[in-house]
N, C-alpha and C. Protein backbone atom coordinates (compact mmCIF):
# COMPACT_ATOMS: atom_id res chain seq x y z
N MET A 1 -70.35 42.81 -18.24
CA MET A 1 -69.13 41.95 -17.67
C MET A 1 -68.93 42.52 -16.30
N PRO A 2 -68.93 41.63 -15.35
CA PRO A 2 -68.63 41.94 -13.89
C PRO A 2 -67.17 42.63 -13.85
N GLN A 3 -67.16 43.59 -13.23
CA GLN A 3 -65.75 44.14 -12.87
C GLN A 3 -65.06 43.43 -11.44
N VAL A 4 -63.98 43.81 -11.41
CA VAL A 4 -63.28 43.58 -10.10
C VAL A 4 -62.93 44.81 -9.51
N ILE A 5 -63.31 44.91 -8.01
CA ILE A 5 -62.96 46.08 -7.21
C ILE A 5 -62.06 45.58 -6.20
N VAL A 6 -60.88 46.26 -6.12
CA VAL A 6 -59.98 46.11 -5.03
C VAL A 6 -60.33 47.03 -3.92
N GLN A 7 -60.64 46.36 -2.77
CA GLN A 7 -61.32 47.27 -1.74
C GLN A 7 -60.20 47.19 -0.45
N PRO A 8 -59.48 48.28 -0.20
CA PRO A 8 -58.53 48.35 0.96
C PRO A 8 -59.35 48.18 2.32
N ALA A 9 -58.83 47.39 3.20
CA ALA A 9 -59.36 47.14 4.67
C ALA A 9 -58.24 47.27 5.64
N ALA A 10 -57.43 48.14 5.51
CA ALA A 10 -56.31 48.15 6.20
C ALA A 10 -56.18 49.08 7.47
N GLY A 11 -56.78 50.31 7.47
CA GLY A 11 -56.67 51.08 8.46
C GLY A 11 -57.34 50.74 9.79
N LEU A 12 -57.20 51.45 10.93
CA LEU A 12 -57.93 50.90 12.08
C LEU A 12 -59.44 50.82 12.00
N GLU A 13 -59.99 51.84 11.57
CA GLU A 13 -61.51 51.74 11.41
C GLU A 13 -61.99 50.86 10.28
N ALA A 14 -61.29 50.69 9.27
CA ALA A 14 -61.63 49.79 8.29
C ALA A 14 -61.37 48.10 8.83
N ARG A 15 -60.42 48.05 9.67
CA ARG A 15 -60.41 46.72 10.23
C ARG A 15 -61.38 46.36 11.27
N ARG A 16 -61.97 47.35 11.89
CA ARG A 16 -63.26 47.39 12.89
C ARG A 16 -64.33 47.15 12.04
N HIS A 17 -64.54 47.79 10.93
CA HIS A 17 -65.73 47.74 10.19
C HIS A 17 -65.73 46.28 9.51
N PHE A 18 -64.43 45.86 8.94
CA PHE A 18 -64.37 44.59 8.35
C PHE A 18 -64.87 43.43 9.35
N THR A 19 -64.43 43.49 10.64
CA THR A 19 -64.80 42.43 11.50
C THR A 19 -66.15 42.53 11.83
N ASN A 20 -66.93 43.65 11.95
CA ASN A 20 -68.25 43.82 12.47
C ASN A 20 -69.18 43.51 11.40
N THR A 21 -68.89 43.89 10.01
CA THR A 21 -70.01 43.67 8.99
C THR A 21 -69.48 42.64 7.83
N ILE A 22 -68.20 42.18 7.71
CA ILE A 22 -67.88 41.30 6.70
C ILE A 22 -67.65 39.98 7.51
N GLU A 23 -66.69 39.91 8.27
CA GLU A 23 -66.32 38.68 9.15
C GLU A 23 -67.51 38.01 9.91
N ARG A 24 -68.24 38.95 10.58
CA ARG A 24 -69.35 38.75 11.15
C ARG A 24 -70.68 39.24 10.30
N SER A 25 -71.49 38.30 9.91
CA SER A 25 -72.50 38.95 9.11
C SER A 25 -73.49 39.88 9.93
N VAL A 26 -74.45 40.44 9.31
CA VAL A 26 -75.33 41.54 10.04
C VAL A 26 -76.76 40.90 9.56
N PRO A 27 -77.45 40.75 10.72
CA PRO A 27 -78.86 40.43 10.53
C PRO A 27 -79.70 41.29 9.75
N LEU A 28 -80.55 40.89 9.11
CA LEU A 28 -81.38 41.54 8.19
C LEU A 28 -82.41 42.31 9.02
N THR A 29 -82.71 41.87 10.20
CA THR A 29 -83.64 42.65 11.18
C THR A 29 -82.93 43.85 11.56
N ARG A 30 -81.48 44.03 11.63
CA ARG A 30 -80.87 45.25 11.92
C ARG A 30 -80.84 46.16 10.72
N ILE A 31 -81.06 45.78 9.60
CA ILE A 31 -80.87 46.49 8.28
C ILE A 31 -82.39 46.98 7.87
N GLN A 32 -83.36 46.13 8.12
CA GLN A 32 -84.60 46.63 7.53
C GLN A 32 -85.36 48.11 8.03
N PRO A 33 -84.99 48.29 9.37
CA PRO A 33 -85.59 49.68 9.69
C PRO A 33 -85.08 50.92 9.08
N HIS A 34 -84.11 50.67 8.40
CA HIS A 34 -83.33 51.92 7.86
C HIS A 34 -83.42 51.91 6.24
N MET A 35 -84.30 50.96 5.58
CA MET A 35 -84.46 50.87 4.47
C MET A 35 -85.83 51.10 3.96
N SER A 36 -86.34 51.44 2.70
CA SER A 36 -87.62 51.51 2.29
C SER A 36 -88.05 49.97 2.08
N ASP A 37 -89.36 49.65 2.12
CA ASP A 37 -89.80 48.42 1.99
C ASP A 37 -89.42 47.82 0.62
N ALA A 38 -89.37 48.72 -0.38
CA ALA A 38 -89.03 48.13 -1.68
C ALA A 38 -87.47 47.71 -1.85
N ASP A 39 -86.65 48.67 -1.18
CA ASP A 39 -85.29 48.28 -1.31
C ASP A 39 -84.84 46.93 -0.32
N TYR A 40 -85.68 46.97 0.78
CA TYR A 40 -85.49 45.91 1.69
C TYR A 40 -85.83 44.55 1.07
N ARG A 41 -87.14 44.38 0.12
CA ARG A 41 -87.31 43.34 -0.51
C ARG A 41 -86.33 42.96 -1.36
N ARG A 42 -85.84 43.89 -2.22
CA ARG A 42 -84.86 43.72 -3.33
C ARG A 42 -83.62 43.14 -2.71
N LEU A 43 -83.19 43.74 -1.58
CA LEU A 43 -82.20 43.22 -0.78
C LEU A 43 -82.04 41.67 -0.43
N ALA A 44 -83.16 41.49 0.33
CA ALA A 44 -83.52 40.26 1.08
C ALA A 44 -83.52 39.02 0.04
N ALA A 45 -84.05 39.47 -1.25
CA ALA A 45 -84.17 38.47 -2.50
C ALA A 45 -83.02 37.67 -2.75
N PHE A 46 -81.94 38.41 -2.48
CA PHE A 46 -80.55 38.07 -3.03
C PHE A 46 -79.99 36.83 -1.96
N TYR A 47 -80.61 36.72 -0.81
CA TYR A 47 -80.01 35.95 0.45
C TYR A 47 -81.02 34.69 0.78
N ASP A 48 -80.52 33.66 0.94
CA ASP A 48 -81.31 32.56 1.51
C ASP A 48 -81.57 32.62 3.06
N GLY A 49 -80.64 33.13 3.70
CA GLY A 49 -80.61 33.42 5.12
C GLY A 49 -81.20 34.63 5.66
N ASP A 50 -80.93 35.04 6.93
CA ASP A 50 -81.40 36.05 7.37
C ASP A 50 -80.36 36.99 7.90
N HIS A 51 -79.11 36.76 7.27
CA HIS A 51 -78.00 37.72 7.61
C HIS A 51 -77.12 38.13 6.19
N VAL A 52 -76.50 39.24 6.10
CA VAL A 52 -76.04 39.70 5.01
C VAL A 52 -74.72 40.32 5.40
N TRP A 53 -73.64 40.63 4.48
CA TRP A 53 -72.47 41.19 4.59
C TRP A 53 -72.48 42.46 4.09
N VAL A 54 -71.89 43.51 4.55
CA VAL A 54 -71.95 44.81 4.15
C VAL A 54 -70.74 45.63 4.33
N TRP A 55 -70.50 46.53 3.29
CA TRP A 55 -69.41 47.46 3.31
C TRP A 55 -69.85 48.67 2.67
N GLY A 56 -69.24 49.86 3.37
CA GLY A 56 -69.49 51.20 2.78
C GLY A 56 -68.31 52.02 2.58
N ALA A 57 -68.50 53.28 1.94
CA ALA A 57 -67.55 54.02 1.64
C ALA A 57 -68.04 55.41 1.93
N THR A 58 -67.13 56.43 2.11
CA THR A 58 -67.49 57.92 2.59
C THR A 58 -67.64 58.58 1.31
N PRO A 59 -68.42 59.65 1.36
CA PRO A 59 -68.60 60.56 0.23
C PRO A 59 -67.26 61.03 -0.67
N GLY A 60 -66.21 60.94 0.04
CA GLY A 60 -64.98 61.29 -0.64
C GLY A 60 -64.69 60.43 -1.77
N VAL A 61 -65.21 59.28 -1.76
CA VAL A 61 -64.90 58.18 -2.83
C VAL A 61 -66.13 57.62 -3.58
N TYR A 62 -67.07 58.75 -3.66
CA TYR A 62 -68.29 58.33 -4.24
C TYR A 62 -68.17 58.20 -5.79
N SER A 63 -67.20 58.68 -6.52
CA SER A 63 -67.00 58.49 -7.97
C SER A 63 -66.55 57.02 -8.25
N ARG A 64 -65.87 56.47 -7.35
CA ARG A 64 -65.45 55.05 -7.22
C ARG A 64 -66.65 54.16 -7.10
N TRP A 65 -67.31 54.42 -5.98
CA TRP A 65 -68.40 53.77 -5.77
C TRP A 65 -69.62 53.67 -6.67
N ALA A 66 -69.83 54.74 -7.29
CA ALA A 66 -70.92 54.80 -8.38
C ALA A 66 -70.58 53.97 -9.45
N ARG A 67 -69.54 53.29 -9.57
CA ARG A 67 -69.18 52.39 -10.64
C ARG A 67 -69.53 50.78 -10.39
N ILE A 68 -69.66 50.80 -8.96
CA ILE A 68 -70.12 49.48 -8.49
C ILE A 68 -71.57 49.04 -8.89
N HIS A 69 -71.66 47.84 -9.42
CA HIS A 69 -72.93 47.32 -9.73
C HIS A 69 -73.17 45.90 -9.32
N THR A 70 -74.35 45.56 -9.29
CA THR A 70 -74.52 43.92 -8.86
C THR A 70 -74.05 43.19 -9.66
N GLY A 71 -73.24 42.04 -9.16
CA GLY A 71 -72.54 41.04 -9.91
C GLY A 71 -70.97 41.29 -9.92
N ASP A 72 -70.66 42.61 -9.56
CA ASP A 72 -69.26 42.91 -9.34
C ASP A 72 -68.57 41.94 -8.34
N ILE A 73 -67.14 41.66 -8.63
CA ILE A 73 -66.41 41.03 -7.48
C ILE A 73 -65.62 41.96 -6.76
N VAL A 74 -65.65 41.83 -5.41
CA VAL A 74 -65.04 42.78 -4.55
C VAL A 74 -63.73 41.82 -3.88
N MET A 75 -62.44 42.41 -3.99
CA MET A 75 -61.35 41.65 -3.33
C MET A 75 -60.87 42.57 -2.31
N PHE A 76 -61.06 42.20 -0.99
CA PHE A 76 -60.59 42.88 0.09
C PHE A 76 -58.94 42.85 0.26
N TYR A 77 -58.30 44.00 0.57
CA TYR A 77 -57.08 43.76 0.54
C TYR A 77 -56.44 44.35 1.91
N ARG A 78 -55.42 43.71 2.35
CA ARG A 78 -54.89 44.22 3.66
C ARG A 78 -53.45 43.66 3.88
N ASP A 79 -52.31 44.37 4.23
CA ASP A 79 -51.04 43.82 4.62
C ASP A 79 -50.32 42.96 3.24
N LYS A 80 -50.64 43.67 2.13
CA LYS A 80 -49.97 43.07 1.00
C LYS A 80 -50.62 41.65 0.59
N ARG A 81 -51.92 41.42 0.95
CA ARG A 81 -52.63 40.22 0.36
C ARG A 81 -53.87 40.49 0.40
N PHE A 82 -54.73 39.50 -0.43
CA PHE A 82 -56.08 39.57 -0.57
C PHE A 82 -56.79 38.67 0.78
N ILE A 83 -57.80 39.26 1.40
CA ILE A 83 -58.23 38.64 2.66
C ILE A 83 -59.47 38.04 2.39
N ARG A 84 -60.28 38.45 1.46
CA ARG A 84 -61.70 38.15 1.29
C ARG A 84 -61.97 38.35 0.05
N THR A 85 -62.91 37.60 -0.61
CA THR A 85 -63.68 38.13 -1.87
C THR A 85 -65.20 37.88 -1.78
N ALA A 86 -65.80 38.67 -2.45
CA ALA A 86 -67.28 38.67 -2.38
C ALA A 86 -67.86 39.16 -3.67
N LYS A 87 -69.35 39.05 -3.85
CA LYS A 87 -69.83 39.45 -4.97
C LYS A 87 -70.95 40.48 -4.60
N VAL A 88 -70.90 41.60 -5.31
CA VAL A 88 -72.07 42.62 -5.03
C VAL A 88 -73.19 42.25 -5.22
N THR A 89 -74.11 42.37 -4.13
CA THR A 89 -75.55 41.98 -4.59
C THR A 89 -76.52 43.18 -4.80
N PHE A 90 -76.25 44.32 -3.96
CA PHE A 90 -77.02 45.35 -3.86
C PHE A 90 -76.31 46.62 -3.28
N PRO A 91 -76.00 47.47 -4.38
CA PRO A 91 -75.45 49.00 -3.71
C PRO A 91 -76.54 49.89 -3.60
N CYS A 92 -76.40 50.86 -2.55
CA CYS A 92 -77.36 51.82 -2.34
C CYS A 92 -76.61 53.08 -1.49
N GLN A 93 -77.27 54.12 -1.48
CA GLN A 93 -76.81 54.98 -0.47
C GLN A 93 -77.66 55.19 0.68
N ASN A 94 -77.25 55.08 1.90
CA ASN A 94 -78.13 55.08 2.98
C ASN A 94 -77.37 55.51 4.15
N ARG A 95 -77.47 56.83 4.46
CA ARG A 95 -76.77 57.48 5.53
C ARG A 95 -77.00 56.94 6.94
N ALA A 96 -78.56 56.67 7.12
CA ALA A 96 -79.02 56.18 8.63
C ALA A 96 -78.31 54.93 8.80
N LEU A 97 -78.53 53.94 7.66
CA LEU A 97 -77.98 52.67 7.79
C LEU A 97 -76.34 52.62 8.16
N ALA A 98 -75.79 53.60 7.55
CA ALA A 98 -74.42 53.54 7.66
C ALA A 98 -73.95 54.00 9.20
N ILE A 99 -74.81 54.98 9.65
CA ILE A 99 -74.58 55.55 11.11
C ILE A 99 -74.93 54.34 12.01
N GLU A 100 -75.94 53.54 11.72
CA GLU A 100 -76.41 52.37 12.55
C GLU A 100 -75.11 51.38 12.67
N LEU A 101 -74.51 51.07 11.49
CA LEU A 101 -73.67 50.03 11.40
C LEU A 101 -72.10 50.58 11.89
N TRP A 102 -71.76 51.79 11.54
CA TRP A 102 -70.36 52.11 11.65
C TRP A 102 -70.32 53.41 12.39
N GLY A 103 -71.22 54.13 12.71
CA GLY A 103 -71.22 55.53 13.34
C GLY A 103 -70.71 56.73 12.37
N ARG A 104 -69.81 57.53 12.84
CA ARG A 104 -69.27 58.56 12.13
C ARG A 104 -67.86 58.58 12.13
N ASP A 105 -66.94 59.23 11.26
CA ASP A 105 -65.70 59.09 11.36
C ASP A 105 -65.16 60.59 12.29
N PRO A 106 -64.08 60.84 12.41
CA PRO A 106 -63.67 62.02 13.26
C PRO A 106 -64.17 63.33 12.57
N ASP A 107 -64.57 63.45 11.33
CA ASP A 107 -64.87 64.63 10.67
C ASP A 107 -66.30 64.65 10.56
N GLY A 108 -66.96 63.69 11.13
CA GLY A 108 -68.55 63.63 11.31
C GLY A 108 -69.17 62.92 9.98
N GLU A 109 -68.43 62.47 9.08
CA GLU A 109 -68.84 61.64 8.02
C GLU A 109 -69.18 60.41 8.23
N THR A 110 -70.09 59.68 7.46
CA THR A 110 -70.15 58.26 7.56
C THR A 110 -69.95 57.62 6.27
N TRP A 111 -70.25 56.16 6.27
CA TRP A 111 -69.72 55.20 5.08
C TRP A 111 -71.17 54.94 4.35
N GLU A 112 -71.77 56.09 3.90
CA GLU A 112 -73.02 56.02 3.42
C GLU A 112 -73.39 55.38 2.02
N TYR A 113 -72.13 55.19 1.44
CA TYR A 113 -72.22 54.57 -0.04
C TYR A 113 -71.92 53.11 0.25
N ILE A 114 -73.13 52.31 0.32
CA ILE A 114 -72.81 51.07 0.87
C ILE A 114 -73.07 49.94 -0.38
N TYR A 115 -72.45 48.89 -0.11
CA TYR A 115 -72.88 47.69 -1.00
C TYR A 115 -72.79 46.50 -0.10
N PHE A 116 -73.69 45.65 -0.53
CA PHE A 116 -73.93 44.16 0.20
C PHE A 116 -73.18 43.19 -0.66
C-alpha cells in the first residue's frame, strides 16, 4: 500500500530547489549523463515526455528517505499549507546528479538521496 510522505519545502534552499526541479521540470538529457544505462532506462520508462520532476534529501535524513518507494505519494508543504502533490516513480542515491542539480550546502553536503 502506498504511503504518504509530507515533504517540507520551506527554507531558502528548499524554495530554490522546488522552483528549479519541481515547478520547472528537468530535461532527461540533463539527468542521463549522471546515471547508469540501466537506471536511466528504468527512470525514462515512467515518463511519456522528455522531462521529469526531482527532489533530493541530504544524508542526515537517510533513514526517512530509505522508506520511500515507487508509488508513494509526496505532499510538499510550505507556509502551513500543502503546495503540490506527486507520485514517486524512481528513488535512487546519486551524488553526481545531486551536485549537478542543486550543488552543495554550506557544509559541503548535497541532496544525493533522490526521488523522481
